Amino acid sequence: MSQLIFSPLFLLILLVILFVSGVKILREYERGVIFRLGRLAKALLNPGGEGNGPGLVLLIPLVDKMVKVSLRTVTMDVPAQDVITRDNVTVKVNAIIYFRVIDPQRAIVAVEDFLYATSQIAQTTLRSVLGQSQLDDLLAKREEINAKLQLIIDQQTEPWGIKVTAVEVKNVDLPAEMIRAIAKQAEAERERRSKIIHAEGEFQAAQKLSDAADIISVNPTTLQLRFLQTLTEISAEKNSTIIFPVPIDLLEPFVRSRKDQTKG
């Protein structure tokens, strides 16, 4: 048995196994943080603390240990949170957060699990920020709320080497009674606009009629032209109605004589 252990073939196979275990390959989007005997091997890091890679990385077997970190953007769903808005309305809100690792060394050393920690920070921040907003702002000012969430979460994850690029509020689930109230409010708003538009139309029509009356009073001939136009329109209908326009001036002597007889 001892001869087998110290045989050249066995030693050669052992050396090959150790050499292969010390060879690591990192993809373009990966970086490696190396610990030598439990301590961070800073001398092996690239400038800026970006870790090792990509490409071939050689480790000392049984001495070095490497942790891989992905630099790609992570898309994480923030679970739905029950939020009480500033105007005391209970809503259920979920969101989505986009972030990536910009410092692999801090992402591994400064926090135990940066994915879990970022998710928890996003949930607590979502409840805190939306709890300070009113329901109307939550529904209408979505972009401002997203920007505020992104700024706060990014500040909190910066010590971990995490860069939050965007936060988007996805769904806002309202109670049934609140949905009915919003529908009634929208219906009342549409009715108000309809009445205003109708009133403005009546006002404009009255203005046009007043302008037409002023023109007719200045030039009575326009009234005769209006009579002729009315006859043309009636004749186009192909009906049997016959209309004879009689000027009011022709009836004035008869009206005057009637008044005189009444006085007498």
Protein backbone atom coordinates (compact mmCIF):
# COMPACT_ATOMS: atom_id res chain seq x y z
CA MET A 1 0.00 0.00 0.00
CA SER A 2 2.82 2.39 0.93
CA GLN A 3 4.57 1.57 -2.34
CA LEU A 4 1.38 2.53 -4.25
CA ILE A 5 1.16 5.87 -2.46
CA PHE A 6 4.73 6.84 -3.22
CA SER A 7 4.74 5.46 -6.74
CA PRO A 8 5.57 8.04 -9.47
CA LEU A 9 2.29 7.38 -11.30
CA PHE A 10 0.21 8.12 -8.21
CA LEU A 11 2.17 11.29 -7.47
CA LEU A 12 1.76 12.42 -11.08
CA ILE A 13 -2.01 11.87 -10.98
CA LEU A 14 -2.22 13.77 -7.67
CA LEU A 15 -0.28 16.69 -9.11
CA VAL A 16 -2.55 16.78 -12.16
CA ILE A 17 -5.66 16.81 -9.95
CA LEU A 18 -4.26 19.62 -7.83
CA PHE A 19 -3.29 21.64 -10.89
CA VAL A 20 -6.72 21.22 -12.49
CA SER A 21 -8.43 22.23 -9.24
CA GLY A 22 -6.39 25.45 -9.27
CA VAL A 23 -7.41 26.42 -12.81
CA LYS A 24 -10.60 28.49 -13.07
CA ILE A 25 -12.21 30.12 -16.08
CA LEU A 26 -14.33 33.24 -15.72
CA ARG A 27 -16.78 34.39 -18.36
CA GLU A 28 -16.87 37.93 -19.70
CA TYR A 29 -19.60 38.98 -17.27
CA GLU A 30 -18.00 37.27 -14.23
CA ARG A 31 -15.40 38.40 -11.75
CA GLY A 32 -13.64 36.37 -9.04
CA VAL A 33 -12.92 37.43 -5.47
CA ILE A 34 -10.04 35.32 -4.13
CA PHE A 35 -9.44 34.49 -0.47
CA ARG A 36 -5.99 33.20 0.50
CA LEU A 37 -6.05 31.28 3.75
CA GLY A 38 -9.29 33.06 4.63
CA ARG A 39 -8.03 36.57 3.94
CA LEU A 40 -8.89 38.70 0.95
CA ALA A 41 -6.09 38.49 -1.58
CA LYS A 42 -6.12 42.20 -2.54
CA ALA A 43 -2.89 41.89 -4.48
CA LEU A 44 -4.68 39.62 -6.94
CA LEU A 45 -7.49 42.07 -7.64
CA ASN A 46 -7.67 44.16 -10.80
CA PRO A 47 -7.28 47.95 -10.43
CA GLY A 48 -10.39 49.42 -8.81
CA GLY A 49 -11.16 46.26 -6.87
CA GLU A 50 -13.07 44.68 -9.73
CA GLY A 51 -11.88 41.19 -8.97
CA ASN A 52 -10.13 38.75 -11.24
CA GLY A 53 -11.16 37.90 -14.75
CA PRO A 54 -12.50 37.40 -17.21
CA GLY A 55 -10.47 34.56 -18.66
CA LEU A 56 -8.09 32.08 -17.06
CA VAL A 57 -7.36 32.39 -13.33
CA LEU A 58 -4.72 30.28 -11.59
CA LEU A 59 -5.21 29.47 -7.89
CA ILE A 60 -2.95 27.82 -5.37
CA PRO A 61 -4.64 24.51 -4.55
CA LEU A 62 -5.80 24.07 -0.93
CA VAL A 63 -4.74 27.67 -0.22
CA ASP A 64 -6.87 29.92 -2.41
CA LYS A 65 -10.65 29.97 -2.66
CA MET A 66 -12.47 32.00 -5.27
CA VAL A 67 -16.05 33.31 -5.16
CA LYS A 68 -17.64 34.15 -8.52
CA VAL A 69 -19.71 37.31 -8.87
CA SER A 70 -21.87 38.16 -11.89
CA LEU A 71 -21.77 41.74 -13.17
CA ARG A 72 -24.96 41.43 -15.22
CA THR A 73 -28.06 43.44 -14.36
CA VAL A 74 -30.36 41.53 -12.02
CA THR A 75 -34.14 41.84 -12.43
CA MET A 76 -35.83 41.20 -9.10
CA ASP A 77 -39.54 41.20 -8.28
CA VAL A 78 -40.44 42.92 -5.03
CA PRO A 79 -43.28 40.93 -3.42
CA ALA A 80 -46.64 42.65 -3.00
CA GLN A 81 -46.72 44.85 0.10
CA ASP A 82 -49.75 46.05 2.07
CA VAL A 83 -49.38 49.81 2.25
CA ILE A 84 -51.51 52.40 4.08
CA THR A 85 -51.27 55.65 2.13
CA ARG A 86 -51.13 59.10 3.69
CA ASP A 87 -54.91 59.52 3.23
CA ASN A 88 -55.58 56.21 5.07
CA VAL A 89 -56.30 54.00 2.06
CA THR A 90 -55.03 50.41 2.22
CA VAL A 91 -53.55 49.20 -1.08
CA LYS A 92 -51.44 46.25 -2.17
CA VAL A 93 -48.44 47.28 -4.27
CA ASN A 94 -45.67 45.30 -5.92
CA ALA A 95 -42.65 46.52 -7.84
CA ILE A 96 -39.63 45.45 -9.85
CA ILE A 97 -36.04 46.52 -9.23
CA TYR A 98 -33.04 46.49 -11.60
CA PHE A 99 -29.54 46.48 -10.11
CA ARG A 100 -26.04 45.17 -10.74
CA VAL A 101 -22.78 44.64 -8.88
CA ILE A 102 -20.18 47.33 -9.51
CA ASP A 103 -17.74 46.29 -6.76
CA PRO A 104 -17.46 42.48 -6.37
CA GLN A 105 -15.16 42.80 -3.36
CA ARG A 106 -17.67 44.78 -1.26
CA ALA A 107 -20.60 42.68 -2.53
CA ILE A 108 -18.97 39.58 -1.02
CA VAL A 109 -17.20 41.00 2.04
CA ALA A 110 -19.55 43.78 3.21
CA VAL A 111 -22.80 41.78 3.21
CA GLU A 112 -23.62 38.10 3.67
CA ASP A 113 -26.07 37.76 0.76
CA PHE A 114 -26.38 40.89 -1.38
CA LEU A 115 -29.37 39.52 -3.33
CA TYR A 116 -31.42 38.88 -0.19
CA ALA A 117 -30.29 42.13 1.43
CA THR A 118 -31.26 44.18 -1.64
CA SER A 119 -34.68 42.51 -1.74
CA GLN A 120 -35.34 43.35 1.91
CA ILE A 121 -34.23 46.95 1.49
CA ALA A 122 -36.52 47.30 -1.53
CA GLN A 123 -39.53 45.97 0.40
CA THR A 124 -39.08 48.23 3.42
CA THR A 125 -38.38 51.28 1.25
CA LEU A 126 -41.47 50.57 -0.86
CA ARG A 127 -43.70 50.55 2.23
CA SER A 128 -42.05 53.65 3.68
CA VAL A 129 -42.19 55.84 0.57
CA LEU A 130 -45.70 54.86 -0.51
CA GLY A 131 -46.94 55.30 3.05
CA GLN A 132 -45.96 58.97 2.79
CA SER A 133 -47.82 59.47 -0.50
CA GLN A 134 -51.50 60.05 -1.13
CA LEU A 135 -53.53 57.72 -3.30
CA ASP A 136 -53.95 60.27 -6.10
CA ASP A 137 -50.17 60.79 -6.24
CA LEU A 138 -49.62 57.03 -6.28
CA LEU A 139 -51.88 56.69 -9.32
CA ALA A 140 -50.93 59.86 -11.20
CA LYS A 141 -47.30 60.58 -10.26
CA ARG A 142 -45.82 57.13 -10.85
CA GLU A 143 -42.60 58.41 -12.44
CA GLU A 144 -41.79 60.68 -9.49
CA ILE A 145 -42.36 57.85 -7.02
CA ASN A 146 -40.18 55.48 -9.08
CA ALA A 147 -37.35 58.02 -9.13
CA LYS A 148 -37.61 58.54 -5.37
CA LEU A 149 -37.55 54.80 -4.71
CA GLN A 150 -34.53 54.33 -6.97
CA LEU A 151 -32.60 57.13 -5.23
CA ILE A 152 -33.28 55.87 -1.69
CA ILE A 153 -32.54 52.19 -2.42
CA ASP A 154 -29.38 53.08 -4.34
CA GLN A 155 -28.07 55.12 -1.40
CA GLN A 156 -28.68 52.23 0.99
CA THR A 157 -27.04 49.57 -1.21
CA GLU A 158 -24.05 51.70 -2.26
CA PRO A 159 -21.86 50.47 0.68
CA TRP A 160 -22.36 46.92 -0.63
CA GLY A 161 -21.07 47.76 -4.10
CA ILE A 162 -24.57 47.54 -5.61
CA LYS A 163 -25.86 50.05 -8.17
CA VAL A 164 -29.65 50.30 -8.48
CA THR A 165 -30.44 51.47 -12.01
CA ALA A 166 -34.26 51.54 -11.92
CA VAL A 167 -37.29 50.80 -9.75
CA GLU A 168 -40.76 50.45 -11.27
CA VAL A 169 -44.05 50.16 -9.39
CA LYS A 170 -45.96 47.48 -11.29
CA ASN A 171 -49.47 47.02 -9.88
CA VAL A 172 -51.57 48.95 -7.40
CA ASP A 173 -54.50 46.84 -6.18
CA LEU A 174 -57.30 48.95 -4.70
CA PRO A 175 -60.17 47.78 -2.45
CA ALA A 176 -63.51 47.21 -4.21
CA GLU A 177 -65.21 50.14 -2.45
CA MET A 178 -62.39 52.46 -3.49
CA ILE A 179 -62.70 51.33 -7.12
CA ARG A 180 -66.42 52.17 -7.03
CA ALA A 181 -65.70 55.58 -5.48
CA ILE A 182 -63.11 56.37 -8.15
CA ALA A 183 -65.55 55.29 -10.88
CA LYS A 184 -68.25 57.61 -9.46
CA GLN A 185 -65.76 60.45 -9.26
CA ALA A 186 -64.72 59.92 -12.88
CA GLU A 187 -68.36 59.80 -13.99
CA ALA A 188 -69.13 63.03 -12.13
CA GLU A 189 -66.11 64.69 -13.72
CA ARG A 190 -67.21 63.65 -17.21
CA GLU A 191 -70.75 64.95 -16.54
CA ARG A 192 -69.33 68.26 -15.30
CA ARG A 193 -67.25 68.65 -18.46
CA SER A 194 -70.26 67.78 -20.62
CA LYS A 195 -72.38 70.47 -18.98
CA ILE A 196 -69.63 73.03 -19.35
CA ILE A 197 -69.19 72.24 -23.04
CA HIS A 198 -72.98 72.42 -23.59
CA ALA A 199 -73.17 75.78 -21.79
CA GLU A 200 -70.27 77.16 -23.82
CA GLY A 201 -72.02 76.04 -27.02
CA GLU A 202 -75.26 77.79 -25.98
CA PHE A 203 -73.34 80.94 -25.14
CA GLN A 204 -71.56 80.99 -28.49
CA ALA A 205 -74.84 80.36 -30.33
CA ALA A 206 -76.49 83.25 -28.47
CA GLN A 207 -73.59 85.51 -29.40
CA LYS A 208 -73.94 84.60 -33.08
CA LEU A 209 -77.71 85.22 -32.99
CA SER A 210 -77.12 88.60 -31.36
CA ASP A 211 -74.59 89.50 -34.06
CA ALA A 212 -77.06 88.44 -36.76
CA ALA A 213 -79.83 90.55 -35.23
CA ASP A 214 -77.54 93.57 -35.20
CA ILE A 215 -76.73 93.10 -38.87
CA ILE A 216 -80.43 92.72 -39.84
CA SER A 217 -81.40 95.84 -37.88
CA VAL A 218 -78.82 97.90 -39.75
CA ASN A 219 -79.68 96.50 -43.19
CA PRO A 220 -83.25 95.12 -43.46
CA THR A 221 -82.51 93.78 -46.96
CA THR A 222 -80.67 90.89 -45.36
CA LEU A 223 -83.98 89.66 -43.95
CA GLN A 224 -85.41 89.39 -47.46
CA LEU A 225 -82.35 87.39 -48.54
CA ARG A 226 -82.96 85.09 -45.62
CA PHE A 227 -86.56 84.59 -46.79
CA LEU A 228 -85.34 83.62 -50.25
CA GLN A 229 -82.81 81.17 -48.83
CA THR A 230 -85.53 79.57 -46.68
CA LEU A 231 -87.74 79.13 -49.77
CA THR A 232 -84.87 77.49 -51.62
CA GLU A 233 -84.34 75.04 -48.77
CA ILE A 234 -88.05 74.20 -48.55
CA SER A 235 -88.36 73.62 -52.30
CA ALA A 236 -85.47 71.17 -52.15
CA GLU A 237 -87.51 68.91 -49.83
CA LYS A 238 -90.13 68.23 -52.60
CA ASN A 239 -93.12 68.77 -50.32
CA SER A 240 -96.51 70.34 -51.02
CA THR A 241 -96.25 73.17 -48.53
CA ILE A 242 -96.49 76.64 -50.07
CA ILE A 243 -95.18 79.63 -48.13
CA PHE A 244 -95.69 83.26 -49.10
CA PRO A 245 -93.42 85.54 -47.15
CA VAL A 246 -95.22 88.78 -46.33
CA PRO A 247 -93.16 91.73 -45.11
CA ILE A 248 -94.28 93.16 -41.80
CA ASP A 249 -94.37 96.63 -43.37
CA LEU A 250 -97.38 95.66 -45.55
CA LEU A 251 -99.42 94.71 -42.50
CA GLU A 252 -98.58 97.84 -40.55
CA PRO A 253 -101.50 100.03 -41.96
CA PHE A 254 -104.01 97.34 -41.04
CA VAL A 255 -102.62 97.07 -37.56
CA ARG A 256 -102.73 100.88 -37.13
CA SER A 257 -106.36 101.11 -38.31
CA ARG A 258 -107.30 98.33 -35.96
CA LYS A 259 -105.79 100.22 -33.06
CA ASP A 260 -107.64 103.41 -34.06
CA GLN A 261 -110.95 101.55 -34.14
CA THR A 262 -110.27 100.16 -30.73
CA LYS A 263 -109.57 103.60 -29.32
CA GLY A 264 -112.69 105.05 -30.94
